[in-house]
Amino acid sequence: MTNSATTTITISKNLAPSAANTTAAAGLLKILVAAQATGATVQWSDADASSGAQKSKQPYWVVLEGPQTKLYDPNATVRYLYKIWSLPLGERLAVEQLLEWEEKCLSILSADKELEAILTAAEPKVTNLSAAENNGTVSAANTVLFGTLYYALFNAKSNTLTKYPALQQWYSRLLESPAVAAALPAYSSNVVNVLVREEATLENRNVNMAIAYSFDPSKIILPEPGAKNVLITSALPYVNNVPHLGNMVGSTLSADVFARYSRIRGNNTLYICGTDEYGTTTEIKALEEKLSCQQLCDKYHTLHKEIYDWFKLSFDYFGRTSTKKQTEIVQGIFLQCYQNGYVSSSSMEMPFCETCNRFLADRFVEGTCPRCGYDDARGDQCDNCNAMINATELINARCKIDGNRPVIRESKHLFLDLDRLQPKCEELVNRSSVEGAWSSNSISITRNWLKEGLRPRCITRDLKWGVPVPLEGFDTKVFYVWFDACIGYPSITANYTDEWEKWWKNPDDVKLYQFMGKDNVPFHTVVFPSTEIATGDNWTYIHNISACEYLNYESGKFSKSRGVGVFGNNARDTGVSADVWRYFLLANRPETSDTMFAWNDFVARNNSELLANLGNFCNRVIKFLDGNTKYAGVLPAANASLVAPGANTTDRCLIDDVNALLARYIEQMDAVHIRSGLRTVMDISARGNLYLQESKLDNTLFSEHRAQCDTVLAVAANLIYLLSAVLHPFMPDTAAGIARQLNAPERILTDTFELELRAGHVIGKAEYLFTRIDEKKIDEWRAKYSGGQADTADVAAKVKKPKTKGDKIKGKTGSTVAITQQPAAN
């Protein structure tokens, strides 16, 4: 039924439009549909500030033509336009009964909170309407119910609507009617759209799942033929102390970054590490703590593991060297070297403490370095100049246990004939250092050793704690820790899987990457490879070695043995997240020169880089999408013409720039330039911030240039998703947090930037990735941790000029026994 086409109504409105989830918006839709259905003419006017006492309750009212009657109730306008009073009595009563039910029972329910109740109540009502009116007309009853139900039906999930088939069919039919189709544009332009915010679930994701990444730590990883198999080790940390940050950044943390990167690039990756538990340091520490060596190792192995877990180090297996497998493999390798003629014996002069009645091996003796004058050099190495020294060379030597001056006595030991292995070792170094692109300091340190000429190296010690030497006449000795420590890599792998040789004796299918501080380089590039060569087996030799310089602490050096600097447990106790610590350490990774840990830099990087750059970009985009008044968490579609290759747009420029940065990142990470890779991550984030500034993302862009706003958000959200991948190796918890906010799976890293989150994808809730650190903490932490765990006297103060040779160890001198050659080398 329609009125005359000359019927005119004027809709007066307040200047501020109503939200779509209000009864006012529902009333406006009723009026507009009724006008279209009855052929009435609609005019609009803005109410002046003084008019209409009821405008605070009803932002829209109708002024009728002629007597200027005002109708504040939308249902009254529907009655007027449809001329309900003129209907036959029975039909009129049916309509009034339905309108009364809508007014008293349906319109009082909230679609945001009581959606199921609304739909359940409406289902039988529209069933009757559909049966009575199937000719496509929009009756007064349909108009009133449609106005009230539109917000709920528009925002309901499809799986919810399927439970109400009559309602779903009725709604679809009305959307197709000319009256409703004509009314909706005017409605949309005069209300503030409020969408129902769906909870992010697996069901409402719309993601390219081909890029999803998962890591199952319980799966035993073995090399796969034809795959890129990557074996990663980090220098085994000594078990005698709490790990400090200077040690971690060059070994375990750097190796973890590369392992995570390798995995998200799709490589078949195994990362193994463990505590180095034999040697003089363990015996000395056990004596200090009045524990057995095994008790000490158990204590500190657990402590190391707890700290590494807190730092999110993703070892596939974290083992130890005081195991049966270590003994079996070390002794087996030694016997192969011995049988192949690369082991000799010799008597050598050793410091002997007459008070302790024992030879003083390695760190059991201390004194002044004969090369640089450092006063606390040890019997195997000087921490100041990194020189490898013999214990008898120390000036003013003293026993570590009781401080007494030792004498010289003879002790018979076994030597690995590195001089005879040098040609093959040198050939390996020349080939591997080029193919694997070793770090420059690794190459220079190794070449210096080779240039000086390798000499037979003692591989046994007069100690009790270690792998016993399986050779008659040497049953009271154990292997030197730097002979068996590197063999710990295969033995730890053997404790992980009985098929360990598939990793360690498979050079055609496996690439070995090793991470350490520069002082450990020669043992990994000369001693261990030479040992492998001497066995005659087909070992997986080192492919890439990444060695760090030193991370210094404020006014001095980190020293694990002296407790100088920030240790792993200190970092945890600050309350700052592990990811922020990881970021700071890796941003200061001493790749080519020494770097400095400084508390003011630590706080500044968190506040000005993580919070202001990365955190700001992610939070700004996700919050814009999260708001109910704009997108309600639903990702819009990008305008294809704005992002197409070759398009001269801000959006396409962003995509091209990110692809260039991504290519640079992959090149850096493949080359194990970890600090540079992290810098590129932040460059990608900064480019995203610039994109938002160039695009002027704000409410005006949304209201006036919706297609552009949709594109900016679609591209920016996907850039955040890409950031979660490139950030994962460095800050895994932050990357997981970004993926969680996006309601997306953690992802692999592809070669190019693509829009993997698709239109209609529902994101999660916005969260802050980082929090500001109060600058007052700088002085507090500096005062608290400047002393570390022990006396932190300036190392430089202990450097003195070498004293005369007359100050060297005195005592009985003996002749060196001629080297006994073993069977001829193969």
Foldseek 3Di string as FASTA:
>chain_A
DADDLAWEKEKEFEPAFAECQAVLLLLLQLLQLLCLQRNYHYHYDYDDPPDDPCCVVHRIWIQGPDPRDIGRGSLVSSCVGQVLVPDPPVVSVVLVVLVVCCVPPQLVDGLLPPVVVNLVVCLVVLVVVCVVDVPLHQHSSNSSSCSSCVQNVVQDDPVSCVVRVSVVVSNVSNCPRPSSVVRVVVSPVRHQYFHRFDFQDPVLFDFPCVFFADDDLVDQFFFDPPFAEEEEEFQAAALLFFFALFFCLFTQLLRQLLQLQCVLQPGRYAYEYEHLQDDDSLVVSCVVVVHDSVVSSVVSRVNNVVLVVQLVRDHSFYYYCPDPLLLVLLQVLVVLLQQQFQKWKKKDKFWADPVVRFTQPWQQKFAADQPFGFGGQTQQAGPPPLDGHHNLRGFLMAGNPPRHFTFIDIDMFMWGALQVLLVVLVVCCVVQCVQQVAFPLLNVVQVVCVVVGDGTGTFKDQDDGARAHPDPPRRNIHTHSLSSSVVVVLSSCCVSDVVSCSAWQPQVNYAYEYTGASSCNCSQSRVVVSSVVSSVGRTNHHRYYQHFYGEAEDPARDDRVFQAHGGSVNVVVVVFGSLLVLLVSLLQTRRPHYGYDALLVSQCCQVPQVCVFVQVLLQVLLVVCCDRSANSQFQAAADCQQCPPPRPHLNVVLQVVVLVLLQVLVVCSSSSVRNVNSVSLSVNSNSSVVSCVVLVDDVCCCVPVVNSNSNNSLSSLLSLLQSLASCCSRRVVLSVVSCQQQSHRNGRHDSGRDRRRHGSGGGHHRDGSGDRDDPVVNVVSCVVPRCGPHHDDHSVVSGDNRDDPVSGHHHDDDDMDDMDTRPHRD
